[in-house]
Amino acid sequence: MKATSGELPVGDGWTYEVKWDGMRALCFVDGPGLRVQSYNERDVTVSWPELAGLPEAVPATTALFDGELVATDADGRPDFGLLQRRMHVTDPAEAQRRSIEVPVAYVVFDLLHLDGHDLTALPLTDRRRLLDQVLEPAARWRCSPLHDDGPALLAAARDRGLEGVVAKRLASLYEPGTRTRSWVKVKVRQRQEMVVGGWVPGEGNRAGRIGALLVGYHDEPSDGPLRFAGRVGTGFREAELQRLARLFDDLVTDECPFDPPPPRADLLRGPTWLRPEMVAEVAFGEWTSDGRLRHPSYLGQREDKPAREVTRDP
């Protein structure tokens, strides 16, 4: 179930949570076994060894949780860039080592299944009551706190430099795969998922290497054309540039994926086109009148959202 971007709703019947700057994940508990699944249905259990003890904290045989994997900085703020160091690890030994360097917490906000019972048709108030009863908080997992005062939470999120707030109708059912107005996300900072359709080389020590990503979004999910939204040339760590270069080797194509193609001025150093399969999270100042990102900065790759579903937020 996905939230819709919008203005903060207020009034009776709503509850509010922090919008955690992490990676969306489902956790399937089956007896002593655990499977962690990303939004795009990839099994990523090996990447998160600190969650191995979660089944022992659940007084049930089977359960299905929905939440976010979150890494925090030295001030306790969620940091998606820091989480990047954990998201692409498939070697168990390396994942264990990085779990010590950059520990994460699984912040759970919904319970979808419990001991053979499908809970998605229950209102959020009942699902959350059961979640609070079932999940015993620990260092590496906890329930996402609920708040009654949405405007106060949004102001606090702005003061703390958090990503934003999610408002949820207390009567809302859980609708898998649906983007609904029953959940409304309100961002403090301008952020947007973008599809990477190519790159152009940079200057100086980035000559001949990735200088900027060429990014865009779909008019409509699944089958809408990919619209060019600009170049993203800042926010990269050296290790991330090297990782992206390896990733892009398998995505190179001769065809421009954007419709229409980017203006020639954006391609002066010669683009390398990529199949539009990778999704990046981008921070930016504002949208320009011609649909371009102003002052965009790369935050990291998103593996929890299929590229075909990336559209422009309202």
Protein backbone atom coordinates (compact mmCIF):
# COMPACT_ATOMS: atom_id res chain seq x y z
CA MET A 1 0.00 0.00 0.00
CA LYS A 2 1.38 3.35 -1.04
CA ALA A 3 0.78 6.92 0.12
CA THR A 4 -0.26 9.78 -2.13
CA SER A 5 1.61 13.12 -1.97
CA GLY A 6 -0.52 16.02 -0.79
CA GLU A 7 -1.32 18.60 1.85
CA LEU A 8 -1.54 17.49 5.47
CA PRO A 9 -5.11 16.40 6.29
CA VAL A 10 -6.37 17.38 9.72
CA GLY A 11 -9.40 16.47 11.78
CA ASP A 12 -10.89 13.46 13.46
CA GLY A 13 -10.16 10.08 11.98
CA TRP A 14 -6.49 10.65 11.14
CA THR A 15 -3.25 9.53 12.77
CA TYR A 16 0.27 10.66 11.92
CA GLU A 17 3.73 9.09 11.69
CA VAL A 18 7.20 10.28 10.82
CA LYS A 19 8.05 9.59 7.17
CA TRP A 20 11.09 7.40 7.71
CA ASP A 21 13.92 8.03 5.27
CA GLY A 22 14.66 4.35 4.66
CA MET A 23 13.96 1.32 2.51
CA ARG A 24 10.47 -0.17 2.46
CA ALA A 25 10.48 -3.87 3.34
CA LEU A 26 8.14 -6.69 4.23
CA CYS A 27 9.27 -9.20 6.86
CA PHE A 28 7.76 -12.69 6.70
CA VAL A 29 8.01 -14.68 9.92
CA ASP A 30 7.42 -18.42 9.58
CA GLY A 31 8.29 -20.28 12.76
CA PRO A 32 12.01 -19.65 13.37
CA GLY A 33 12.49 -18.54 9.75
CA LEU A 34 12.63 -14.97 8.44
CA ARG A 35 12.43 -13.58 4.90
CA VAL A 36 12.99 -9.90 4.19
CA GLN A 37 11.49 -8.74 0.90
CA SER A 38 12.00 -5.41 -0.85
CA TYR A 39 9.17 -3.42 -2.41
CA ASN A 40 9.95 -4.91 -5.84
CA GLU A 41 9.65 -8.44 -4.38
CA ARG A 42 13.37 -9.25 -4.17
CA ASP A 43 14.55 -11.49 -1.33
CA VAL A 44 17.10 -9.30 0.50
CA THR A 45 17.30 -11.28 3.75
CA VAL A 46 21.07 -11.79 3.52
CA SER A 47 21.66 -8.02 3.55
CA TRP A 48 20.15 -7.53 7.01
CA PRO A 49 21.63 -10.08 9.45
CA GLU A 50 20.70 -7.98 12.50
CA LEU A 51 17.04 -8.92 11.92
CA ALA A 52 17.70 -12.65 12.33
CA GLY A 53 16.32 -12.63 15.88
CA LEU A 54 13.00 -11.04 14.92
CA PRO A 55 11.01 -14.35 14.87
CA GLU A 56 11.96 -14.96 18.50
CA ALA A 57 10.39 -11.63 19.45
CA VAL A 58 7.02 -12.55 17.91
CA PRO A 59 4.63 -14.68 20.03
CA ALA A 60 3.09 -16.26 16.92
CA THR A 61 3.95 -18.94 14.41
CA THR A 62 3.49 -16.78 11.32
CA ALA A 63 3.35 -13.02 10.80
CA LEU A 64 3.81 -10.49 8.02
CA PHE A 65 5.08 -7.00 8.87
CA ASP A 66 5.33 -3.86 6.72
CA GLY A 67 7.87 -1.19 7.59
CA GLU A 68 11.09 0.64 6.78
CA LEU A 69 14.73 -0.31 7.23
CA VAL A 70 16.37 2.81 8.65
CA ALA A 71 19.96 3.88 9.29
CA THR A 72 20.58 6.94 11.47
CA ASP A 73 23.40 9.48 11.57
CA ALA A 74 25.34 10.64 14.64
CA ASP A 75 22.45 12.93 15.62
CA GLY A 76 19.87 10.15 15.39
CA ARG A 77 18.32 11.34 12.12
CA PRO A 78 17.39 8.82 9.42
CA ASP A 79 19.99 8.99 6.64
CA PHE A 80 19.19 7.35 3.29
CA GLY A 81 22.69 8.03 2.02
CA LEU A 82 24.13 6.08 4.94
CA LEU A 83 21.69 3.25 4.27
CA GLN A 84 23.19 2.92 0.78
CA ARG A 85 26.21 1.21 2.36
CA ARG A 86 23.92 -1.67 3.34
CA MET A 87 21.49 -1.99 0.44
CA HIS A 88 23.55 -3.72 -2.23
CA VAL A 89 25.41 -6.35 -0.22
CA THR A 90 24.82 -10.00 -1.13
CA ASP A 91 27.79 -11.68 0.56
CA PRO A 92 26.80 -12.89 4.07
CA ALA A 93 30.21 -12.18 5.63
CA GLU A 94 30.34 -8.68 4.18
CA ALA A 95 26.75 -8.02 5.26
CA GLN A 96 27.64 -9.07 8.81
CA ARG A 97 30.65 -6.75 8.85
CA ARG A 98 28.65 -3.78 7.56
CA SER A 99 25.86 -4.45 10.04
CA ILE A 100 28.36 -3.56 12.75
CA GLU A 101 29.62 -0.46 10.95
CA VAL A 102 26.18 0.82 9.92
CA PRO A 103 23.46 -0.87 12.00
CA VAL A 104 19.86 -0.48 10.93
CA ALA A 105 16.52 -0.67 12.68
CA TYR A 106 13.34 -2.10 11.20
CA VAL A 107 10.63 0.46 11.97
CA VAL A 108 7.32 -1.41 11.63
CA PHE A 109 4.08 0.41 10.86
CA ASP A 110 1.67 -2.35 9.85
CA LEU A 111 0.73 -5.97 10.50
CA LEU A 112 -0.82 -7.73 7.50
CA HIS A 113 -1.03 -11.39 8.51
CA LEU A 114 -0.95 -13.24 11.81
CA ASP A 115 -1.15 -16.98 12.51
CA GLY A 116 -3.05 -17.82 9.35
CA HIS A 117 -5.36 -14.79 9.50
CA ASP A 118 -5.35 -12.13 6.77
CA LEU A 119 -5.60 -8.75 8.51
CA THR A 120 -5.70 -6.49 5.46
CA ALA A 121 -9.50 -6.14 5.63
CA LEU A 122 -9.32 -4.80 9.19
CA PRO A 123 -9.20 -1.04 9.83
CA LEU A 124 -5.82 0.46 10.67
CA THR A 125 -6.84 0.95 14.32
CA ASP A 126 -7.25 -2.82 14.75
CA ARG A 127 -4.09 -3.70 12.82
CA ARG A 128 -2.04 -1.30 14.90
CA ARG A 129 -3.54 -2.57 18.16
CA LEU A 130 -2.51 -6.09 17.21
CA LEU A 131 0.93 -4.92 16.06
CA ASP A 132 1.61 -3.25 19.40
CA GLN A 133 0.58 -6.46 21.16
CA VAL A 134 2.63 -8.78 18.94
CA LEU A 135 5.94 -6.99 18.37
CA GLU A 136 8.23 -6.74 21.39
CA PRO A 137 10.55 -3.73 20.76
CA ALA A 138 14.29 -4.36 20.67
CA ALA A 139 17.43 -2.57 19.53
CA ARG A 140 16.97 -3.58 15.87
CA TRP A 141 13.18 -3.38 15.50
CA ARG A 142 10.33 -1.33 16.92
CA CYS A 143 6.89 0.01 16.07
CA SER A 144 6.60 3.38 14.37
CA PRO A 145 5.05 5.78 16.92
CA LEU A 146 1.62 7.25 16.18
CA HIS A 147 0.81 10.90 16.87
CA ASP A 148 -2.50 12.72 17.24
CA ASP A 149 -1.32 16.24 16.30
CA GLY A 150 -0.31 16.25 12.64
CA PRO A 151 0.67 19.93 12.34
CA ALA A 152 2.85 19.69 15.46
CA LEU A 153 4.57 16.56 14.12
CA LEU A 154 5.16 18.23 10.75
CA ALA A 155 6.69 21.26 12.48
CA ALA A 156 8.93 18.99 14.55
CA ALA A 157 9.99 17.10 11.40
CA ARG A 158 10.88 20.40 9.76
CA ASP A 159 12.89 21.54 12.80
CA ARG A 160 14.77 18.23 12.98
CA GLY A 161 15.49 18.06 9.26
CA LEU A 162 13.44 14.88 8.77
CA GLU A 163 11.92 13.83 5.46
CA GLY A 164 8.31 14.52 6.39
CA VAL A 165 5.09 13.04 7.79
CA VAL A 166 2.59 10.39 6.68
CA ALA A 167 -1.07 10.86 7.62
CA LYS A 168 -3.27 7.75 7.69
CA ARG A 169 -7.00 7.31 8.10
CA LEU A 170 -7.68 5.26 11.20
CA ALA A 171 -10.48 3.45 9.35
CA SER A 172 -8.33 2.63 6.30
CA LEU A 173 -8.03 -0.96 5.13
CA TYR A 174 -4.72 -2.23 3.74
CA GLU A 175 -4.89 -2.26 -0.07
CA PRO A 176 -1.79 -4.06 -1.43
CA GLY A 177 -0.22 -2.39 -4.44
CA THR A 178 -2.59 0.57 -4.29
CA ARG A 179 -1.69 4.24 -4.07
CA THR A 180 -4.52 5.70 -2.04
CA ARG A 181 -5.66 8.97 -0.48
CA SER A 182 -6.20 7.06 2.76
CA TRP A 183 -2.45 7.52 3.29
CA VAL A 184 -1.03 10.97 2.53
CA LYS A 185 2.69 11.77 2.56
CA VAL A 186 3.79 15.33 3.23
CA LYS A 187 7.45 16.03 2.54
CA VAL A 188 9.46 18.67 4.35
CA ARG A 189 12.23 18.53 1.76
CA GLN A 190 11.67 18.31 -1.98
CA ARG A 191 12.57 14.78 -3.00
CA GLN A 192 11.64 12.65 -5.95
CA GLU A 193 12.36 9.20 -7.31
CA MET A 194 13.86 9.40 -10.79
CA VAL A 195 14.55 6.86 -13.53
CA VAL A 196 18.15 6.92 -14.77
CA GLY A 197 18.24 6.85 -18.57
CA GLY A 198 21.88 7.67 -19.19
CA TRP A 199 24.96 9.56 -18.08
CA VAL A 200 27.42 12.10 -19.43
CA PRO A 201 31.12 12.38 -18.50
CA GLY A 202 32.43 15.08 -16.22
CA GLU A 203 35.49 17.29 -16.05
CA GLY A 204 38.72 17.17 -14.05
CA ASN A 205 39.09 13.95 -12.11
CA ARG A 206 35.73 12.80 -13.51
CA ALA A 207 36.72 13.25 -17.15
CA GLY A 208 35.72 10.13 -19.05
CA ARG A 209 33.77 8.93 -16.01
CA ILE A 210 30.27 9.58 -14.70
CA GLY A 211 29.86 13.33 -14.39
CA ALA A 212 26.07 13.56 -14.27
CA LEU A 213 23.10 11.22 -14.52
CA LEU A 214 20.37 11.88 -17.08
CA VAL A 215 17.09 11.30 -15.27
CA GLY A 216 13.38 11.36 -15.93
CA TYR A 217 9.93 10.15 -14.93
CA HIS A 218 6.94 8.49 -16.58
CA ASP A 219 3.79 10.39 -17.45
CA GLU A 220 1.78 7.38 -16.33
CA PRO A 221 2.87 4.28 -14.41
CA SER A 222 3.70 1.12 -16.38
CA ASP A 223 3.29 2.39 -19.95
CA GLY A 224 3.77 6.18 -19.99
CA PRO A 225 6.71 7.69 -21.93
CA LEU A 226 9.87 8.62 -20.03
CA ARG A 227 10.15 12.40 -19.79
CA PHE A 228 13.54 14.05 -19.34
CA ALA A 229 13.85 15.97 -16.05
CA GLY A 230 17.48 17.09 -16.06
CA ARG A 231 21.04 16.19 -15.10
CA VAL A 232 22.13 15.20 -11.59
CA GLY A 233 25.84 15.84 -11.06
CA THR A 234 26.31 16.32 -7.31
CA GLY A 235 25.96 14.19 -4.18
CA PHE A 236 28.19 11.30 -5.27
CA ARG A 237 30.78 9.60 -3.08
CA GLU A 238 33.71 8.05 -4.93
CA ALA A 239 32.73 4.52 -3.91
CA GLU A 240 29.22 5.11 -5.23
CA LEU A 241 30.54 6.38 -8.57
CA GLN A 242 32.57 3.21 -8.94
CA ARG A 243 29.60 1.02 -8.01
CA LEU A 244 27.32 2.82 -10.48
CA ALA A 245 29.89 2.44 -13.25
CA ARG A 246 29.88 -1.33 -12.73
CA LEU A 247 26.08 -1.40 -12.60
CA PHE A 248 25.73 0.66 -15.77
CA ASP A 249 27.97 -1.69 -17.78
CA ASP A 250 25.05 -4.12 -17.98
CA LEU A 251 22.47 -1.46 -18.87
CA VAL A 252 24.15 0.25 -21.86
CA THR A 253 21.97 0.60 -24.95
CA ASP A 254 22.20 2.40 -28.29
CA GLU A 255 18.73 3.88 -27.99
CA CYS A 256 17.78 7.04 -26.10
CA PRO A 257 15.04 6.07 -23.60
CA PHE A 258 13.62 9.60 -23.27
CA ASP A 259 10.65 10.84 -25.29
CA PRO A 260 11.37 13.44 -26.53
CA PRO A 261 15.21 13.23 -26.32
CA PRO A 262 17.02 15.67 -23.99
CA PRO A 263 18.06 19.04 -25.44
CA ARG A 264 21.40 18.98 -27.24
CA ALA A 265 22.88 21.38 -24.67
CA ASP A 266 22.59 18.66 -22.01
CA LEU A 267 24.53 16.18 -24.14
CA LEU A 268 27.59 18.18 -25.22
CA ARG A 269 30.11 15.64 -23.90
CA GLY A 270 28.30 12.72 -25.44
CA PRO A 271 25.80 10.58 -23.54
CA THR A 272 25.92 6.91 -22.69
CA TRP A 273 22.32 5.71 -22.89
CA LEU A 274 21.02 3.14 -20.40
CA ARG A 275 18.00 0.90 -20.32
CA PRO A 276 15.63 2.75 -17.95
CA GLU A 277 15.67 0.20 -15.12
CA MET A 278 17.49 1.94 -12.25
CA VAL A 279 15.70 4.27 -9.83
CA ALA A 280 17.55 7.04 -7.97
CA GLU A 281 16.40 9.21 -5.09
CA VAL A 282 17.08 12.90 -5.77
CA ALA A 283 16.82 16.01 -3.59
CA PHE A 284 16.17 19.31 -5.39
CA GLY A 285 15.14 22.92 -4.91
CA GLU A 286 12.04 23.10 -7.09
CA TRP A 287 10.53 22.20 -10.45
CA THR A 288 11.16 24.73 -13.22
CA SER A 289 8.39 25.87 -15.53
CA ASP A 290 9.65 23.53 -18.26
CA GLY A 291 9.57 20.45 -16.03
CA ARG A 292 13.23 20.33 -14.98
CA LEU A 293 14.74 19.75 -11.55
CA ARG A 294 16.47 22.83 -10.13
CA HIS A 295 19.73 22.17 -8.21
CA PRO A 296 19.28 18.38 -7.98
CA SER A 297 21.55 16.23 -5.80
CA TYR A 298 21.91 12.45 -5.81
CA LEU A 299 20.90 10.71 -2.57
CA GLY A 300 21.17 7.06 -3.59
CA GLN A 301 19.73 4.19 -5.56
CA ARG A 302 16.28 2.93 -4.69
CA GLU A 303 15.78 -0.81 -5.00
CA ASP A 304 12.33 -0.76 -3.43
CA LYS A 305 10.48 0.80 -6.37
CA PRO A 306 10.23 -0.47 -9.98
CA ALA A 307 11.30 2.07 -12.59
CA ARG A 308 8.03 1.68 -14.50
CA GLU A 309 6.12 3.08 -11.48
CA VAL A 310 8.13 6.30 -11.15
CA THR A 311 5.94 9.28 -11.91
CA ARG A 312 6.24 12.94 -10.97
CA ASP A 313 4.90 13.71 -7.50
CA PRO A 314 2.24 16.45 -7.43
